[in-house]
Protein backbone atom coordinates (compact mmCIF):
# COMPACT_ATOMS: atom_id res chain seq x y z
CA MET A 1 0.00 0.00 0.00
CA LYS A 2 1.41 3.36 -1.08
CA CYS A 3 -0.39 6.68 -0.68
CA ILE A 4 0.34 10.39 -0.88
CA LEU A 5 -1.50 13.71 -0.92
CA GLY A 6 -0.97 16.44 -3.48
CA THR A 7 -2.44 19.38 -5.35
CA LYS A 8 -3.38 19.54 -9.01
CA LYS A 9 -1.27 21.76 -11.26
CA THR A 10 -1.34 22.36 -15.00
CA MET A 11 -1.54 19.82 -17.82
CA THR A 12 1.23 19.37 -20.36
CA GLN A 13 2.61 16.70 -22.67
CA ILE A 14 5.77 14.63 -22.82
CA PHE A 15 7.38 12.48 -25.49
CA ARG A 16 8.27 8.84 -24.92
CA GLU A 17 11.44 7.30 -26.33
CA ASP A 18 9.51 5.98 -29.35
CA GLY A 19 8.18 9.49 -30.12
CA THR A 20 4.67 8.94 -28.76
CA VAL A 21 3.05 12.06 -27.32
CA VAL A 22 1.49 11.51 -23.88
CA PRO A 23 -0.81 14.08 -22.22
CA VAL A 24 -0.02 14.33 -18.51
CA THR A 25 -1.20 16.20 -15.43
CA ARG A 26 1.39 17.73 -13.11
CA VAL A 27 0.67 16.98 -9.45
CA GLN A 28 2.55 18.65 -6.59
CA ALA A 29 2.70 15.66 -4.24
CA GLY A 30 4.28 15.63 -0.79
CA PRO A 31 6.27 15.81 1.29
CA CYS A 32 3.81 14.15 3.66
CA VAL A 33 4.09 13.28 7.34
CA VAL A 34 2.42 10.57 9.42
CA THR A 35 0.31 12.43 11.98
CA GLN A 36 -1.36 9.40 13.59
CA VAL A 37 -1.08 5.62 13.56
CA LYS A 38 -4.37 3.81 14.21
CA THR A 39 -4.41 0.22 15.45
CA VAL A 40 -7.13 -2.41 15.61
CA LYS A 41 -6.75 -2.79 19.37
CA ARG A 42 -7.13 0.92 20.18
CA ASP A 43 -9.11 2.37 17.25
CA GLY A 44 -10.82 -0.67 15.75
CA VAL A 45 -9.04 -0.26 12.41
CA SER A 46 -5.48 -0.42 11.09
CA ALA A 47 -4.88 2.88 9.31
CA LEU A 48 -2.50 5.79 8.84
CA GLN A 49 -3.36 9.47 9.04
CA ILE A 50 -1.28 11.47 6.56
CA GLY A 51 -0.73 15.24 6.72
CA PHE A 52 0.19 17.49 3.81
CA GLY A 53 0.66 21.17 3.07
CA PRO A 54 2.14 23.93 5.23
CA GLN A 55 -0.15 25.78 7.61
CA LYS A 56 0.37 28.72 9.95
CA ALA A 57 0.31 27.63 13.57
CA PHE A 58 -2.09 30.38 14.71
CA ARG A 59 -4.76 29.02 12.36
CA LEU A 60 -4.92 25.70 14.23
CA THR A 61 -7.51 25.12 16.92
CA LYS A 62 -6.37 23.99 20.36
CA PRO A 63 -7.43 20.36 19.75
CA LEU A 64 -5.44 20.32 16.50
CA LYS A 65 -2.41 21.85 18.21
CA GLY A 66 -2.50 19.02 20.71
CA HIS A 67 -3.03 16.45 17.97
CA LEU A 68 -0.02 17.78 16.01
CA LYS A 69 2.26 18.19 19.03
CA ASP A 70 5.96 17.93 18.05
CA ILE A 71 4.94 17.92 14.35
CA ASP A 72 4.92 20.86 11.95
CA ALA A 73 1.44 22.26 11.30
CA VAL A 74 -0.25 20.80 8.21
CA ARG A 75 -3.27 21.96 6.23
CA HIS A 76 -4.76 18.66 5.05
CA MET A 77 -5.10 15.31 6.83
CA ARG A 78 -6.56 12.11 5.40
CA ASP A 79 -6.82 8.50 6.61
CA PHE A 80 -5.65 5.46 4.64
CA ARG A 81 -6.23 1.80 5.41
CA ALA A 82 -2.92 0.03 6.00
CA PRO A 83 -1.79 -3.47 7.01
CA GLU A 84 -0.78 -3.93 10.62
CA ASP A 85 2.86 -4.58 9.67
CA HIS A 86 3.33 -1.29 7.76
CA GLY A 87 6.34 -0.36 9.93
CA LEU A 88 5.61 3.38 10.06
CA SER A 89 5.44 5.52 13.16
CA ARG A 90 4.16 8.98 14.04
CA GLY A 91 6.40 11.74 12.66
CA ASP A 92 7.78 9.77 9.71
CA SER A 93 7.87 11.74 6.45
CA PHE A 94 8.09 10.66 2.82
CA THR A 95 8.04 12.14 -0.68
CA VAL A 96 7.23 11.11 -4.26
CA SER A 97 10.25 8.79 -4.19
CA ILE A 98 7.98 6.02 -2.83
CA PHE A 99 6.49 5.70 -6.35
CA SER A 100 8.11 4.42 -9.53
CA GLU A 101 7.47 5.13 -13.18
CA GLY A 102 4.88 2.75 -14.55
CA ASP A 103 2.91 2.43 -11.30
CA ARG A 104 -0.87 2.29 -11.69
CA VAL A 105 -2.60 4.54 -9.17
CA GLU A 106 -6.07 5.59 -8.08
CA VAL A 107 -6.71 9.34 -7.91
CA VAL A 108 -9.52 10.84 -5.82
CA GLY A 109 -10.51 14.50 -6.08
CA VAL A 110 -13.44 16.90 -5.96
CA SER A 111 -14.82 17.83 -9.38
CA LYS A 112 -15.25 21.41 -10.54
CA GLY A 113 -18.47 23.05 -9.38
CA LYS A 114 -20.79 24.06 -12.25
CA GLY A 115 -23.62 25.64 -10.27
CA PHE A 116 -27.26 25.10 -11.31
CA GLN A 117 -27.46 23.48 -14.76
CA GLY A 118 -30.30 22.26 -16.96
CA VAL A 119 -31.04 18.74 -18.15
CA VAL A 120 -29.17 19.14 -21.46
CA LYS A 121 -25.83 19.84 -19.81
CA ARG A 122 -26.40 17.91 -16.59
CA HIS A 123 -27.89 14.69 -18.00
CA GLY A 124 -27.19 14.90 -21.73
CA PHE A 125 -30.79 15.34 -22.91
CA ARG A 126 -31.08 15.95 -26.66
CA GLY A 127 -33.62 18.76 -26.37
CA ALA A 128 -36.80 19.38 -28.37
CA PRO A 129 -37.11 19.94 -32.13
CA ALA A 130 -36.54 23.52 -33.22
CA SER A 131 -39.64 23.71 -35.46
CA HIS A 132 -43.19 22.34 -35.93
CA GLY A 133 -44.85 24.49 -33.35
CA HIS A 134 -42.13 24.54 -30.68
CA LYS A 135 -41.39 27.87 -29.08
CA ASP A 136 -39.00 28.46 -26.17
CA GLN A 137 -38.90 24.70 -25.57
CA LEU A 138 -35.54 23.77 -27.08
CA ARG A 139 -33.82 22.87 -23.78
CA MET A 140 -36.85 22.02 -21.66
CA PRO A 141 -36.99 18.61 -19.89
CA GLY A 142 -40.43 17.70 -21.22
CA SER A 143 -42.76 15.44 -19.26
CA ILE A 144 -41.71 14.53 -15.72
CA GLY A 145 -44.29 11.77 -15.18
CA ALA A 146 -47.88 10.63 -15.56
CA GLY A 147 -50.76 12.77 -14.35
CA GLY A 148 -52.80 10.07 -12.65
CA VAL A 149 -50.50 9.49 -9.68
CA GLN A 150 -50.48 13.19 -8.80
CA ARG A 151 -46.83 13.17 -7.80
CA VAL A 152 -43.33 12.97 -9.26
CA PHE A 153 -41.45 9.72 -8.71
CA LYS A 154 -38.09 9.83 -6.99
CA GLY A 155 -35.06 9.74 -9.24
CA VAL A 156 -36.53 11.67 -12.17
CA ARG A 157 -33.68 13.49 -13.91
CA MET A 158 -34.11 17.25 -13.69
CA GLY A 159 -32.03 20.39 -13.61
CA GLY A 160 -30.07 21.11 -10.45
CA HIS A 161 -26.68 21.56 -8.84
CA MET A 162 -23.88 20.04 -10.93
CA GLY A 163 -20.31 19.19 -9.98
CA ASP A 164 -18.48 19.74 -6.68
CA GLN A 165 -18.62 16.01 -5.90
CA GLN A 166 -15.98 13.43 -5.03
CA VAL A 167 -14.74 11.65 -8.15
CA THR A 168 -12.46 8.61 -8.31
CA VAL A 169 -10.40 7.73 -11.39
CA LYS A 170 -8.67 4.35 -11.36
CA ASN A 171 -5.78 2.75 -13.23
CA LEU A 172 -3.91 5.94 -14.13
CA GLU A 173 -0.25 5.52 -15.05
CA ILE A 174 2.65 7.47 -13.53
CA VAL A 175 4.87 8.37 -16.48
CA GLY A 176 7.31 10.71 -14.75
CA ILE A 177 8.68 11.62 -11.30
CA ASP A 178 10.59 14.79 -10.38
CA GLU A 179 12.00 14.30 -6.88
CA GLU A 180 13.60 17.76 -6.76
CA LYS A 181 10.28 19.54 -7.36
CA ASN A 182 8.16 16.84 -5.65
CA GLU A 183 6.04 16.41 -8.78
CA LEU A 184 4.27 13.43 -10.30
CA LEU A 185 3.38 13.29 -13.99
CA ILE A 186 0.17 11.27 -14.29
CA LYS A 187 -1.09 10.19 -17.69
CA GLY A 188 -4.41 11.74 -18.66
CA ALA A 189 -6.73 14.04 -16.73
CA VAL A 190 -7.53 13.97 -13.03
CA PRO A 191 -10.62 15.40 -11.30
CA GLY A 192 -10.71 18.83 -9.73
CA ALA A 193 -9.68 22.40 -10.38
CA PHE A 194 -6.22 23.94 -10.32
CA GLY A 195 -4.85 23.73 -6.78
CA GLY A 196 -7.42 21.16 -5.67
CA LEU A 197 -6.48 18.42 -3.22
CA LEU A 198 -5.80 14.96 -4.69
CA ILE A 199 -5.49 11.61 -2.94
CA ILE A 200 -3.15 9.27 -4.83
CA SER A 201 -2.85 5.64 -3.77
CA THR A 202 -2.09 2.13 -4.96
CA GLU A 203 -2.44 -1.26 -3.30
CA GLU A 204 0.94 -2.45 -4.59
CA GLY A 205 4.21 -1.93 -2.72
CA THR A 206 5.00 -0.42 0.66
CA ILE A 207 6.17 2.94 1.99
CA GLU A 208 9.84 2.81 2.97
CA VAL A 209 11.05 5.87 4.85
CA ALA A 210 13.68 6.84 7.39
CA HIS A 211 12.03 6.95 10.80
CA ALA A 212 11.87 10.28 12.59
CA ALA A 213 13.78 8.98 15.65
CA GLU A 214 16.62 7.65 13.48
CA THR A 215 16.80 10.92 11.55
CA LYS A 216 17.04 12.94 14.78
CA ALA A 217 19.72 10.60 16.14
CA ASP A 218 21.78 10.90 12.95
CA ALA A 219 21.48 14.69 13.04
CA THR A 220 22.59 14.74 16.70
CA ASP A 221 25.60 12.51 15.94
CA GLU A 222 26.65 14.77 13.07
CA LEU A 223 26.35 17.83 15.32
CA VAL A 224 28.51 16.18 18.00
CA ASP A 225 31.14 15.18 15.41
CA ASP A 226 31.25 18.73 14.02
CA THR A 227 31.65 20.13 17.55
CA LYS A 228 34.55 17.78 18.27
CA LYS A 229 36.26 18.77 15.04
CA GLU A 230 35.93 22.44 15.92
CA GLU A 231 37.38 21.79 19.38
CA ARG A 232 40.35 19.95 17.86
CA THR A 233 41.11 22.66 15.34
CA GLU A 234 40.93 25.53 17.85
CA VAL A 235 44.32 27.22 18.33
CA THR A 236 44.89 29.34 21.39
CA PRO A 237 46.71 32.54 20.39
CA GLU A 238 49.95 33.28 22.25
CA THR A 239 49.78 36.27 24.54
CA LYS A 240 52.55 38.76 23.88
CA VAL A 241 54.15 40.17 27.04
CA GLU A 242 55.70 43.59 26.76
CA GLU A 243 59.19 44.03 28.25
CA THR A 244 59.77 46.54 31.02
CA PRO A 245 62.41 49.34 30.65
CA GLU A 246 64.65 47.63 33.24
CA GLU A 247 64.68 44.36 31.24
CA LYS A 248 65.53 46.26 28.08
CA LYS A 249 68.57 47.89 29.83
CA GLU A 250 69.83 44.50 31.02
CA GLU A 251 69.55 43.00 27.53
CA ALA A 252 71.34 45.96 25.90
CA PRO A 253 75.08 45.21 25.20
CA ALA A 254 77.63 47.07 27.31
CA ALA A 255 79.49 49.85 25.46
């Protein structure tokens, strides 16, 4: 199981080695941090809570500040099901390097909001004929049911709010990874508007990261080593003592 959070950027195209043009979507993914590890014994489910995106500390509520104690403030948090032997702990961070080119992923996002739309755009109705007595009826829905029942059955397709719903697209291919910019190039289109949050996951593979405790220990060891080197290379300057007039007379040669 591999998962990461990101934001949708622009679309572009790349060329494969055989010259094929591939349309791709740029996704700014990670770095992400594990904000909570849920277990079956304590929480009833084995899952990971992943945080993504910088956030100013003063915008967090007091419960969130306590939840993110000793972790940098994040803007988005999402839960992912994970096996019990995932090997991750709270505070671990990872980037797009957990994925490889050719991986097939599932992308979840919120579609663009379209507002109130009619049946032609919302449901694909053909519309009415433009002649033979029709007037101002080109995009009308037509009949919405029989008259005898004196009501409209549930589920009749009508105009209404369109978009702004969670959409899942499966089996998308990762065709490029830029670890320096933390970007994924995903083949095809993904749901959502520019800057929208995306949840990218795949059931294959595992997340391998350096644990937070090990990283802190390595950083401490490096700091200690640097301090020792500085202590070794320190040279105490010699203090110059000025001679008194009497000592100068004694050192002067006799005439």
